PDB file of N, CA and C in Angstrom:
ATOM      1  N   MET A   1     107.746 104.580 100.996  1.00  0.00           N
ATOM      2  CA  MET A   1     107.041 104.325  99.523  1.00  0.00           C
ATOM      3  C   MET A   1     108.399 104.405  98.923  1.00  0.00           C
ATOM      4  N   ASN A   2     108.757 103.072  98.472  1.00  0.00           N
ATOM      5  CA  ASN A   2     109.363 102.405  97.815  1.00  0.00           C
ATOM      6  C   ASN A   2     110.022 103.665  96.624  1.00  0.00           C
ATOM      7  N   LYS A   3     110.943 104.036  96.424  1.00  0.00           N
ATOM      8  CA  LYS A   3     111.875 104.667  94.946  1.00  0.00           C
ATOM      9  C   LYS A   3     110.950 104.412  94.090  1.00  0.00           C
ATOM     10  N   LEU A   4     110.955 103.531  93.460  1.00  0.00           N
ATOM     11  CA  LEU A   4     110.577 103.348  92.377  1.00  0.00           C
ATOM     12  C   LEU A   4     109.088 103.429  92.012  1.00  0.00           C
ATOM     13  N   ARG A   5     108.377 102.659  92.945  1.00  0.00           N
ATOM     14  CA  ARG A   5     106.813 103.682  92.933  1.00  0.00           C
ATOM     15  C   ARG A   5     106.795 104.928  92.315  1.00  0.00           C
ATOM     16  N   LYS A   6     107.707 105.475  93.503  1.00  0.00           N
ATOM     17  CA  LYS A   6     107.080 107.259  93.855  1.00  0.00           C
ATOM     18  C   LYS A   6     107.651 107.817  92.528  1.00  0.00           C
ATOM     19  N   HIS A   7     108.513 107.248  91.794  1.00  0.00           N
ATOM     20  CA  HIS A   7     109.056 107.913  90.166  1.00  0.00           C
ATOM     21  C   HIS A   7     107.937 107.570  88.960  1.00  0.00           C
ATOM     22  N   LEU A   8     107.225 105.467  89.419  1.00  0.00           N
ATOM     23  CA  LEU A   8     106.630 105.451  88.031  1.00  0.00           C
ATOM     24  C   LEU A   8     105.140 106.067  88.326  1.00  0.00           C
ATOM     25  N   SER A   9     104.568 106.588  89.523  1.00  0.00           N
ATOM     26  CA  SER A   9     103.026 106.568  89.844  1.00  0.00           C
ATOM     27  C   SER A   9     103.100 108.263  90.078  1.00  0.00           C
ATOM     28  N   GLY A  10     104.182 108.849  89.736  1.00  0.00           N
ATOM     29  CA  GLY A  10     104.429 110.363  90.202  1.00  0.00           C
ATOM     30  C   GLY A  10     103.389 111.153  89.304  1.00  0.00           C
ATOM     31  N   ASN A  11     103.286 111.648  88.303  1.00  0.00           N
ATOM     32  CA  ASN A  11     102.182 112.534  87.680  1.00  0.00           C
ATOM     33  C   ASN A  11     101.699 111.492  86.752  1.00  0.00           C
ATOM     34  N   THR A  12     101.553 110.295  86.754  1.00  0.00           N
ATOM     35  CA  THR A  12     100.486 109.515  86.059  1.00  0.00           C
ATOM     36  C   THR A  12      98.878 109.396  87.079  1.00  0.00           C
ATOM     37  N   THR A  13      97.804 109.314  86.201  1.00  0.00           N
ATOM     38  CA  THR A  13      96.875 108.771  86.163  1.00  0.00           C
ATOM     39  C   THR A  13      96.369 107.682  86.347  1.00  0.00           C
ATOM     40  N   ASN A  14      95.644 106.787  86.775  1.00  0.00           N
ATOM     41  CA  ASN A  14      94.956 105.242  86.966  1.00  0.00           C
ATOM     42  C   ASN A  14      93.721 105.084  85.993  1.00  0.00           C
ATOM     43  N   VAL A  15      93.559 106.384  85.013  1.00  0.00           N
ATOM     44  CA  VAL A  15      92.122 106.211  84.575  1.00  0.00           C
ATOM     45  C   VAL A  15      93.087 106.006  82.674  1.00  0.00           C
ATOM     46  N   ILE A  16      92.757 105.243  82.035  1.00  0.00           N
ATOM     47  CA  ILE A  16      92.813 104.657  80.563  1.00  0.00           C
ATOM     48  C   ILE A  16      92.816 106.045  79.741  1.00  0.00           C
ATOM     49  N   GLU A  17      93.718 106.418  79.277  1.00  0.00           N
ATOM     50  CA  GLU A  17      92.621 107.917  78.272  1.00  0.00           C
ATOM     51  C   GLU A  17      92.961 107.689  76.825  1.00  0.00           C
ATOM     52  N   ALA A  18      92.443 108.328  75.855  1.00  0.00           N
ATOM     53  CA  ALA A  18      92.801 107.979  74.411  1.00  0.00           C
ATOM     54  C   ALA A  18      94.017 108.398  74.205  1.00  0.00           C
ATOM     55  N   LYS A  19      95.073 107.955  72.857  1.00  0.00           N
ATOM     56  CA  LYS A  19      96.242 108.587  73.258  1.00  0.00           C
ATOM     57  C   LYS A  19      95.867 108.702  71.668  1.00  0.00           C
ATOM     58  N   ASN A  20      96.628 109.769  71.108  1.00  0.00           N
ATOM     59  CA  ASN A  20      96.738 110.305  69.937  1.00  0.00           C
ATOM     60  C   ASN A  20      98.001 109.384  69.611  1.00  0.00           C
ATOM     61  N   LEU A  21      97.577 109.032  68.048  1.00  0.00           N
ATOM     62  CA  LEU A  21      98.506 107.964  67.150  1.00  0.00           C
ATOM     63  C   LEU A  21      99.536 108.096  66.783  1.00  0.00           C
ATOM     64  N   ALA A  22      99.457 109.306  66.412  1.00  0.00           N
ATOM     65  CA  ALA A  22     100.834 110.213  65.872  1.00  0.00           C
ATOM     66  C   ALA A  22     101.957 110.558  66.532  1.00  0.00           C
ATOM     67  N   GLU A  23     101.255 110.767  68.175  1.00  0.00           N
ATOM     68  CA  GLU A  23     102.062 111.372  68.508  1.00  0.00           C
ATOM     69  C   GLU A  23     102.835 109.259  69.199  1.00  0.00           C
ATOM     70  N   ILE A  24     102.185 108.831  69.164  1.00  0.00           N
ATOM     71  CA  ILE A  24     102.980 107.472  69.504  1.00  0.00           C
ATOM     72  C   ILE A  24     103.857 106.975  68.116  1.00  0.00           C
ATOM     73  N   LYS A  25     103.211 107.308  67.383  1.00  0.00           N
ATOM     74  CA  LYS A  25     104.220 106.815  66.187  1.00  0.00           C
ATOM     75  C   LYS A  25     105.526 107.595  66.040  1.00  0.00           C
ATOM     76  N   ALA A  26     105.457 108.932  66.695  1.00  0.00           N
ATOM     77  CA  ALA A  26     106.503 110.041  66.133  1.00  0.00           C
ATOM     78  C   ALA A  26     108.179 109.737  66.404  1.00  0.00           C
ATOM     79  N   PRO A  27     108.080 109.124  67.934  1.00  0.00           N
ATOM     80  CA  PRO A  27     109.357 108.161  67.925  1.00  0.00           C
ATOM     81  C   PRO A  27     110.347 107.666  67.086  1.00  0.00           C
ATOM     82  N   THR A  28     109.571 106.980  66.354  1.00  0.00           N
ATOM     83  CA  THR A  28     109.847 105.684  65.527  1.00  0.00           C
ATOM     84  C   THR A  28     109.698 105.655  64.742  1.00  0.00           C
ATOM     85  N   GLY A  29     108.858 106.554  64.283  1.00  0.00           N
ATOM     86  CA  GLY A  29     108.186 106.176  62.752  1.00  0.00           C
ATOM     87  C   GLY A  29     107.501 105.101  62.542  1.00  0.00           C
ATOM     88  N   ASN A  30     107.195 104.045  63.143  1.00  0.00           N
ATOM     89  CA  ASN A  30     105.968 103.533  62.789  1.00  0.00           C
ATOM     90  C   ASN A  30     105.268 102.677  64.329  1.00  0.00           C
ATOM     91  N   LEU A  31     104.219 102.935  64.031  1.00  0.00           N
ATOM     92  CA  LEU A  31     103.392 102.826  65.255  1.00  0.00           C
ATOM     93  C   LEU A  31     103.810 101.362  66.108  1.00  0.00           C
ATOM     94  N   TYR A  32     103.839 100.230  65.016  1.00  0.00           N
ATOM     95  CA  TYR A  32     103.738  99.135  65.276  1.00  0.00           C
ATOM     96  C   TYR A  32     104.849  98.734  66.158  1.00  0.00           C
ATOM     97  N   ALA A  33     106.466  99.555  65.535  1.00  0.00           N
ATOM     98  CA  ALA A  33     107.542  99.294  66.576  1.00  0.00           C
ATOM     99  C   ALA A  33     107.411  99.908  67.828  1.00  0.00           C
ATOM    100  N   SER A  34     106.650 101.366  67.848  1.00  0.00           N
ATOM    101  CA  SER A  34     106.231 102.239  69.043  1.00  0.00           C
ATOM    102  C   SER A  34     105.900 101.143  69.949  1.00  0.00           C
ATOM    103  N   ILE A  35     104.793 100.203  70.142  1.00  0.00           N
ATOM    104  CA  ILE A  35     103.908  99.878  70.645  1.00  0.00           C
ATOM    105  C   ILE A  35     104.847  98.355  71.281  1.00  0.00           C
ATOM    106  N   ALA A  36     105.302  98.170  70.072  1.00  0.00           N
ATOM    107  CA  ALA A  36     106.368  96.765  70.335  1.00  0.00           C
ATOM    108  C   ALA A  36     107.420  97.451  71.593  1.00  0.00           C
ATOM    109  N   ILE A  37     107.682  99.015  71.660  1.00  0.00           N
ATOM    110  CA  ILE A  37     108.678  99.035  72.228  1.00  0.00           C
ATOM    111  C   ILE A  37     107.805  99.199  73.834  1.00  0.00           C
ATOM    112  N   ILE A  38     106.930  99.976  73.739  1.00  0.00           N
ATOM    113  CA  ILE A  38     105.960  99.825  74.854  1.00  0.00           C
ATOM    114  C   ILE A  38     105.737  98.565  75.521  1.00  0.00           C
ATOM    115  N   SER A  39     105.306  97.629  75.185  1.00  0.00           N
ATOM    116  CA  SER A  39     104.720  96.662  75.883  1.00  0.00           C
ATOM    117  C   SER A  39     106.079  96.081  76.271  1.00  0.00           C
ATOM    118  N   LYS A  40     107.241  96.077  75.795  1.00  0.00           N
ATOM    119  CA  LYS A  40     108.321  95.479  76.551  1.00  0.00           C
ATOM    120  C   LYS A  40     109.049  96.316  77.604  1.00  0.00           C
ATOM    121  N   ARG A  41     108.741  97.245  77.351  1.00  0.00           N
ATOM    122  CA  ARG A  41     108.848  98.512  78.700  1.00  0.00           C
ATOM    123  C   ARG A  41     107.767  97.901  79.900  1.00  0.00           C
ATOM    124  N   ALA A  42     106.763  97.654  79.614  1.00  0.00           N
ATOM    125  CA  ALA A  42     105.789  97.566  80.354  1.00  0.00           C
ATOM    126  C   ALA A  42     105.792  95.952  81.011  1.00  0.00           C
ATOM    127  N   ASN A  43     106.523  94.958  80.430  1.00  0.00           N
ATOM    128  CA  ASN A  43     106.527  94.160  81.137  1.00  0.00           C
ATOM    129  C   ASN A  43     107.842  93.977  82.153  1.00  0.00           C
ATOM    130  N   GLN A  44     108.986  94.773  81.793  1.00  0.00           N
ATOM    131  CA  GLN A  44     109.963  95.447  82.747  1.00  0.00           C
ATOM    132  C   GLN A  44     109.429  95.929  83.895  1.00  0.00           C
ATOM    133  N   ILE A  45     108.319  96.814  83.871  1.00  0.00           N
ATOM    134  CA  ILE A  45     107.384  97.174  84.624  1.00  0.00           C
ATOM    135  C   ILE A  45     106.849  96.476  85.896  1.00  0.00           C
ATOM    136  N   ASN A  46     106.094  95.891  85.075  1.00  0.00           N
ATOM    137  CA  ASN A  46     105.208  94.439  85.520  1.00  0.00           C
ATOM    138  C   ASN A  46     106.256  93.607  86.507  1.00  0.00           C
ATOM    139  N   VAL A  47     107.425  93.565  86.116  1.00  0.00           N
ATOM    140  CA  VAL A  47     108.221  92.034  87.055  1.00  0.00           C
ATOM    141  C   VAL A  47     108.789  92.992  87.880  1.00  0.00           C
ATOM    142  N   SER A  48     109.323  94.259  87.676  1.00  0.00           N
ATOM    143  CA  SER A  48     109.962  94.706  89.182  1.00  0.00           C
ATOM    144  C   SER A  48     108.954  94.875  89.964  1.00  0.00           C
ATOM    145  N   LEU A  49     107.688  95.469  89.700  1.00  0.00           N
ATOM    146  CA  LEU A  49     106.758  95.301  90.974  1.00  0.00           C
ATOM    147  C   LEU A  49     106.465  94.186  91.515  1.00  0.00           C
ATOM    148  N   LYS A  50     106.672  93.442  90.598  1.00  0.00           N
ATOM    149  CA  LYS A  50     105.924  91.821  91.551  1.00  0.00           C
ATOM    150  C   LYS A  50     107.103  91.719  91.913  1.00  0.00           C
ATOM    151  N   GLU A  51     108.512  91.648  91.659  1.00  0.00           N
ATOM    152  CA  GLU A  51     109.275  91.488  92.923  1.00  0.00           C
ATOM    153  C   GLU A  51     109.355  92.034  93.878  1.00  0.00           C
ATOM    154  N   GLU A  52     108.890  93.342  94.061  1.00  0.00           N
ATOM    155  CA  GLU A  52     108.877  94.221  95.077  1.00  0.00           C
ATOM    156  C   GLU A  52     107.347  93.755  96.068  1.00  0.00           C
ATOM    157  N   LEU A  53     106.675  93.480  95.113  1.00  0.00           N
ATOM    158  CA  LEU A  53     105.301  93.417  96.199  1.00  0.00           C
ATOM    159  C   LEU A  53     105.888  92.113  96.465  1.00  0.00           C
ATOM    160  N   HIS A  54     106.392  90.851  96.256  1.00  0.00           N
ATOM    161  CA  HIS A  54     106.525  89.993  96.841  1.00  0.00           C
ATOM    162  C   HIS A  54     107.575  89.834  97.521  1.00  0.00           C
ATOM    163  N   ASN A  55     108.915  90.671  97.764  1.00  0.00           N
ATOM    164  CA  ASN A  55     109.575  91.005  98.505  1.00  0.00           C
ATOM    165  C   ASN A  55     109.159  91.434  99.811  1.00  0.00           C
ATOM    166  N   LYS A  56     108.114  92.276  99.317  1.00  0.00           N
ATOM    167  CA  LYS A  56     107.070  92.826 101.070  1.00  0.00           C
ATOM    168  C   LYS A  56     106.608  92.050 101.650  1.00  0.00           C
ATOM    169  N   LEU A  57     105.723  91.662 100.583  1.00  0.00           N
ATOM    170  CA  LEU A  57     104.747  90.045 101.374  1.00  0.00           C
ATOM    171  C   LEU A  57     105.422  88.920 102.284  1.00  0.00           C
ATOM    172  N   GLU A  58     106.867  88.988 101.172  1.00  0.00           N
ATOM    173  CA  GLU A  58     107.389  88.216 101.888  1.00  0.00           C
ATOM    174  C   GLU A  58     107.302  87.754 103.436  1.00  0.00           C
ATOM    175  N   GLU A  59     107.860  89.504 104.427  1.00  0.00           N
ATOM    176  CA  GLU A  59     107.834  88.569 106.016  1.00  0.00           C
ATOM    177  C   GLU A  59     106.693  88.963 106.143  1.00  0.00           C
ATOM    178  N   PHE A  60     106.003  88.888 106.006  1.00  0.00           N
ATOM    179  CA  PHE A  60     104.167  88.315 106.420  1.00  0.00           C
ATOM    180  C   PHE A  60     104.154  87.262 106.013  1.00  0.00           C
ATOM    181  N   ALA A  61     104.622  86.049 105.369  1.00  0.00           N
ATOM    182  CA  ALA A  61     104.648  84.405 104.744  1.00  0.00           C
ATOM    183  C   ALA A  61     104.596  83.766 105.947  1.00  0.00           C
ATOM    184  N   THR A  62     103.836  83.071 106.414  1.00  0.00           N
ATOM    185  CA  THR A  62     103.828  81.951 107.107  1.00  0.00           C
ATOM    186  C   THR A  62     104.319  80.824 106.793  1.00  0.00           C
ATOM    187  N   HIS A  63     105.205  79.724 107.568  1.00  0.00           N
ATOM    188  CA  HIS A  63     105.744  78.527 107.104  1.00  0.00           C
ATOM    189  C   HIS A  63     104.804  76.939 107.321  1.00  0.00           C
ATOM    190  N   THR A  64     103.669  77.280 108.029  1.00  0.00           N
ATOM    191  CA  THR A  64     102.790  76.346 108.614  1.00  0.00           C
ATOM    192  C   THR A  64     101.647  76.066 107.966  1.00  0.00           C
ATOM    193  N   ASP A  65     101.303  74.639 108.137  1.00  0.00           N
ATOM    194  CA  ASP A  65     100.309  74.080 106.890  1.00  0.00           C
ATOM    195  C   ASP A  65      98.894  74.416 108.044  1.00  0.00           C
ATOM    196  N   SER A  66      98.838  74.978 109.353  1.00  0.00           N
ATOM    197  CA  SER A  66      97.885  75.233 110.281  1.00  0.00           C
ATOM    198  C   SER A  66      96.401  75.869 109.126  1.00  0.00           C
ATOM    199  N   LEU A  67      95.690  75.198 109.510  1.00  0.00           N
ATOM    200  CA  LEU A  67      94.615  76.716 108.933  1.00  0.00           C
ATOM    201  C   LEU A  67      93.803  77.413 110.231  1.00  0.00           C
ATOM    202  N   GLU A  68      94.254  77.212 111.493  1.00  0.00           N
ATOM    203  CA  GLU A  68      93.878  77.740 112.229  1.00  0.00           C
ATOM    204  C   GLU A  68      94.634  79.191 112.429  1.00  0.00           C
ATOM    205  N   GLU A  69      96.159  78.845 112.544  1.00  0.00           N
ATOM    206  CA  GLU A  69      96.691  80.139 112.182  1.00  0.00           C
ATOM    207  C   GLU A  69      97.131  81.319 111.762  1.00  0.00           C
ATOM    208  N   ILE A  70      95.798  81.096 110.431  1.00  0.00           N
ATOM    209  CA  ILE A  70      95.987  82.325 109.670  1.00  0.00           C
ATOM    210  C   ILE A  70      94.870  83.310 109.754  1.00  0.00           C
ATOM    211  N   HIS A  71      95.828  84.459 109.756  1.00  0.00           N
ATOM    212  CA  HIS A  71      94.357  85.296 110.261  1.00  0.00           C
ATOM    213  C   HIS A  71      94.947  87.058 109.289  1.00  0.00           C
ATOM    214  N   GLU A  72      93.963  87.762 109.337  1.00  0.00           N
ATOM    215  CA  GLU A  72      94.500  89.129 108.517  1.00  0.00           C
ATOM    216  C   GLU A  72      95.404  89.877 109.124  1.00  0.00           C
ATOM    217  N   ASN A  73      96.357  90.261 108.296  1.00  0.00           N
ATOM    218  CA  ASN A  73      97.369  91.171 108.656  1.00  0.00           C
ATOM    219  C   ASN A  73      97.073  92.957 108.004  1.00  0.00           C
ATOM    220  N   LYS A  74      97.164  93.780 108.737  1.00  0.00           N
ATOM    221  CA  LYS A  74      96.493  95.034 108.635  1.00  0.00           C
ATOM    222  C   LYS A  74      97.651  95.405 107.332  1.00  0.00           C
ATOM    223  N   GLU A  75      98.669  95.577 108.031  1.00  0.00           N
ATOM    224  CA  GLU A  75      99.653  95.626 107.060  1.00  0.00           C
ATOM    225  C   GLU A  75      99.988  95.156 105.856  1.00  0.00           C
ATOM    226  N   GLN A  76      99.694  94.054 106.074  1.00  0.00           N
ATOM    227  CA  GLN A  76      99.932  93.195 104.737  1.00  0.00           C
ATOM    228  C   GLN A  76      99.111  93.681 103.551  1.00  0.00           C
ATOM    229  N   ILE A  77      97.316  93.861 104.233  1.00  0.00           N
ATOM    230  CA  ILE A  77      95.969  94.162 103.286  1.00  0.00           C
ATOM    231  C   ILE A  77      96.451  95.930 102.986  1.00  0.00           C
ATOM    232  N   GLU A  78      97.540  96.761 104.172  1.00  0.00           N
ATOM    233  CA  GLU A  78      97.461  98.129 103.247  1.00  0.00           C
ATOM    234  C   GLU A  78      98.226  98.035 101.911  1.00  0.00           C
ATOM    235  N   ILE A  79      99.449  97.138 102.285  1.00  0.00           N
ATOM    236  CA  ILE A  79     100.606  96.934 101.128  1.00  0.00           C
ATOM    237  C   ILE A  79     100.012  96.308  99.681  1.00  0.00           C
ATOM    238  N   SER A  80      99.205  95.411 100.085  1.00  0.00           N
ATOM    239  CA  SER A  80      98.591  95.085  98.771  1.00  0.00           C
ATOM    240  C   SER A  80      97.065  96.152  98.266  1.00  0.00           C
ATOM    241  N   LYS A  81      96.722  97.063  98.562  1.00  0.00           N
ATOM    242  CA  LYS A  81      95.768  98.181  98.469  1.00  0.00           C
ATOM    243  C   LYS A  81      96.588  98.765  97.440  1.00  0.00           C
ATOM    244  N   ALA A  82      98.039  99.752  98.552  1.00  0.00           N
ATOM    245  CA  ALA A  82      98.125 100.472  97.811  1.00  0.00           C
ATOM    246  C   ALA A  82      98.681 100.047  96.671  1.00  0.00           C
ATOM    247  N   TYR A  83      99.366  98.500  95.745  1.00  0.00           N
ATOM    248  CA  TYR A  83      99.925  98.309  94.764  1.00  0.00           C
ATOM    249  C   TYR A  83      98.830  98.026  94.124  1.00  0.00           C
ATOM    250  N   GLU A  84      97.283  97.851  94.566  1.00  0.00           N
ATOM    251  CA  GLU A  84      96.174  97.480  93.480  1.00  0.00           C
ATOM    252  C   GLU A  84      95.989  98.783  92.835  1.00  0.00           C
ATOM    253  N   LYS A  85      95.914  99.888  93.471  1.00  0.00           N
ATOM    254  CA  LYS A  85      96.058 101.481  93.016  1.00  0.00           C
ATOM    255  C   LYS A  85      96.696 102.268  92.263  1.00  0.00           C
ATOM    256  N   MET A  86      98.002 101.269  92.304  1.00  0.00           N
ATOM    257  CA  MET A  86      99.159 101.711  91.141  1.00  0.00           C
ATOM    258  C   MET A  86      98.158 101.605  89.564  1.00  0.00           C
ATOM    259  N   PRO A  87      98.884 102.969  88.927  1.00  0.00           N
ATOM    260  CA  PRO A  87      98.489 102.388  87.824  1.00  0.00           C
ATOM    261  C   PRO A  87      98.699 101.029  86.967  1.00  0.00           C
ATOM    262  N   ASN A  88      98.693 100.874  85.603  1.00  0.00           N
ATOM    263  CA  ASN A  88      98.651 100.056  85.467  1.00  0.00           C
ATOM    264  C   ASN A  88     100.338  99.600  84.356  1.00  0.00           C
ATOM    265  N   PRO A  89     100.960  98.699  84.517  1.00  0.00           N
ATOM    266  CA  PRO A  89     102.061  99.203  83.888  1.00  0.00           C
ATOM    267  C   PRO A  89     102.023  99.626  82.138  1.00  0.00           C
ATOM    268  N   SER A  90     101.802  99.069  82.082  1.00  0.00           N
ATOM    269  CA  SER A  90     101.182  99.451  80.210  1.00  0.00           C
ATOM    270  C   SER A  90     100.874 100.713  79.828  1.00  0.00           C
ATOM    271  N   ILE A  91      99.990 101.517  81.229  1.00  0.00           N
ATOM    272  CA  ILE A  91      99.760 103.030  80.971  1.00  0.00           C
ATOM    273  C   ILE A  91     101.145 103.865  81.152  1.00  0.00           C
ATOM    274  N   LEU A  92     101.991 102.966  82.263  1.00  0.00           N
ATOM    275  CA  LEU A  92     103.293 103.777  82.741  1.00  0.00           C
ATOM    276  C   LEU A  92     104.181 103.644  82.098  1.00  0.00           C
ATOM    277  N   ALA A  93     104.103 102.538  80.834  1.00  0.00           N
ATOM    278  CA  ALA A  93     105.103 102.907  79.656  1.00  0.00           C
ATOM    279  C   ALA A  93     105.050 103.827  78.820  1.00  0.00           C
ATOM    280  N   THR A  94     103.257 103.632  78.305  1.00  0.00           N
ATOM    281  CA  THR A  94     103.146 104.749  77.052  1.00  0.00           C
ATOM    282  C   THR A  94     103.091 105.751  77.950  1.00  0.00           C
ATOM    283  N   GLN A  95     103.485 106.641  79.437  1.00  0.00           N
ATOM    284  CA  GLN A  95     103.637 107.493  79.416  1.00  0.00           C
ATOM    285  C   GLN A  95     105.308 108.036  79.459  1.00  0.00           C
ATOM    286  N   GLU A  96     105.460 106.778  79.846  1.00  0.00           N
ATOM    287  CA  GLU A  96     107.516 107.018  79.786  1.00  0.00           C
ATOM    288  C   GLU A  96     107.534 107.308  78.043  1.00  0.00           C
ATOM    289  N   PHE A  97     107.520 106.682  77.723  1.00  0.00           N
ATOM    290  CA  PHE A  97     107.381 106.711  76.000  1.00  0.00           C
ATOM    291  C   PHE A  97     107.580 107.897  75.005  1.00  0.00           C
ATOM    292  N   LEU A  98     106.170 108.650  76.123  1.00  0.00           N
ATOM    293  CA  LEU A  98     105.813 109.633  75.307  1.00  0.00           C
ATOM    294  C   LEU A  98     106.586 111.216  75.786  1.00  0.00           C
ATOM    295  N   GLU A  99     107.193 110.747  76.843  1.00  0.00           N
ATOM    296  CA  GLU A  99     108.084 111.916  77.533  1.00  0.00           C
ATOM    297  C   GLU A  99     109.197 111.582  76.871  1.00  0.00           C
ATOM    298  N   GLY A 100     109.486 110.209  76.477  1.00  0.00           N
ATOM    299  CA  GLY A 100     110.935 110.465  75.924  1.00  0.00           C
ATOM    300  C   GLY A 100     112.066 109.779  76.901  1.00  0.00           C
ATOM    301  N   LYS A 101     111.139 109.569  77.631  1.00  0.00           N
ATOM    302  CA  LYS A 101     112.270 108.587  78.915  1.00  0.00           C
ATOM    303  C   LYS A 101     112.834 107.268  78.429  1.00  0.00           C
ATOM    304  N   VAL A 102     112.039 106.602  77.644  1.00  0.00           N
ATOM    305  CA  VAL A 102     112.273 104.966  77.294  1.00  0.00           C
ATOM    306  C   VAL A 102     113.669 105.056  76.238  1.00  0.00           C
ATOM    307  N   TYR A 103     114.828 104.908  76.336  1.00  0.00           N
ATOM    308  CA  TYR A 103     116.111 104.175  75.463  1.00  0.00           C
ATOM    309  C   TYR A 103     115.369 103.199  74.450  1.00  0.00           C
ATOM    310  N   HIS A 104     115.281 103.080  73.333  1.00  0.00           N
ATOM    311  CA  HIS A 104     115.276 102.040  72.212  1.00  0.00           C
ATOM    312  C   HIS A 104     116.502 101.907  71.072  1.00  0.00           C
ATOM    313  N   ARG A 105     116.731 100.801  70.042  1.00  0.00           N
ATOM    314  CA  ARG A 105     117.695 101.067  69.223  1.00  0.00           C
ATOM    315  C   ARG A 105     116.969  99.485  68.302  1.00  0.00           C
ATOM    316  N   SER A 106     117.414  99.836  67.150  1.00  0.00           N
ATOM    317  CA  SER A 106     117.431  98.478  66.374  1.00  0.00           C
ATOM    318  C   SER A 106     118.599  98.202  66.088  1.00  0.00           C
ATOM    319  N   ASN A 107     118.572  96.590  65.603  1.00  0.00           N
ATOM    320  CA  ASN A 107     120.154  95.984  65.332  1.00  0.00           C
ATOM    321  C   ASN A 107     119.621  95.828  63.661  1.00  0.00           C
ATOM    322  N   ASN A 108     119.192  96.195  63.456  1.00  0.00           N
ATOM    323  CA  ASN A 108     118.608  95.953  61.974  1.00  0.00           C
ATOM    324  C   ASN A 108     119.533  97.723  61.257  1.00  0.00           C
ATOM    325  N   ASP A 109     119.565  96.756  60.289  1.00  0.00           N
ATOM    326  CA  ASP A 109     120.846  98.325  59.054  1.00  0.00           C
ATOM    327  C   ASP A 109     119.215  98.951  58.290  1.00  0.00           C
ATOM    328  N   ASP A 110     118.367  98.611  58.484  1.00  0.00           N
ATOM    329  CA  ASP A 110     117.354  99.570  57.658  1.00  0.00           C
ATOM    330  C   ASP A 110     116.953 100.598  58.107  1.00  0.00           C
ATOM    331  N   ASP A 111     117.593 101.065  58.995  1.00  0.00           N
ATOM    332  CA  ASP A 111     117.291 102.109  59.951  1.00  0.00           C
ATOM    333  C   ASP A 111     115.389 101.778  60.668  1.00  0.00           C
ATOM    334  N   LEU A 112     114.827 100.909  61.188  1.00  0.00           N
ATOM    335  CA  LEU A 112     113.302 100.797  61.400  1.00  0.00           C
ATOM    336  C   LEU A 112     113.162 102.455  62.289  1.00  0.00           C
ATOM    337  N   PHE A 113     113.496 102.007  63.270  1.00  0.00           N
ATOM    338  CA  PHE A 113     113.348 103.529  64.222  1.00  0.00           C
ATOM    339  C   PHE A 113     114.277 104.667  64.356  1.00  0.00           C
ATOM    340  N   ARG A 114     114.902 104.861  63.335  1.00  0.00           N
ATOM    341  CA  ARG A 114     115.403 106.255  62.822  1.00  0.00           C
ATOM    342  C   ARG A 114     116.042 106.775  64.167  1.00  0.00           C
TER     343      ARG A 114
END
């Protein structure tokens, strides 16, 4: 298992749970700013997972146009199923944000994120 996948899915459930909005708002003082930070982190996680998956599946790619040669590869199916079972990137990003693992800062002087 890849180091990134171990880190991301270690203690996160795959089930969507209701979150306390006050907890999400607390780090920044603004609910919408917190959600924007979480969404940016979710996009980063999604991109890295897609790249990782495509790199692993690249090994199984055949570069022929013949339909007769297409067959199921059990390893490829196992890899795909493992990635499907992983928590959604937005769940992972929310968990990281609530645990204080996401670095964020504001470029504005109005101290939006405190």
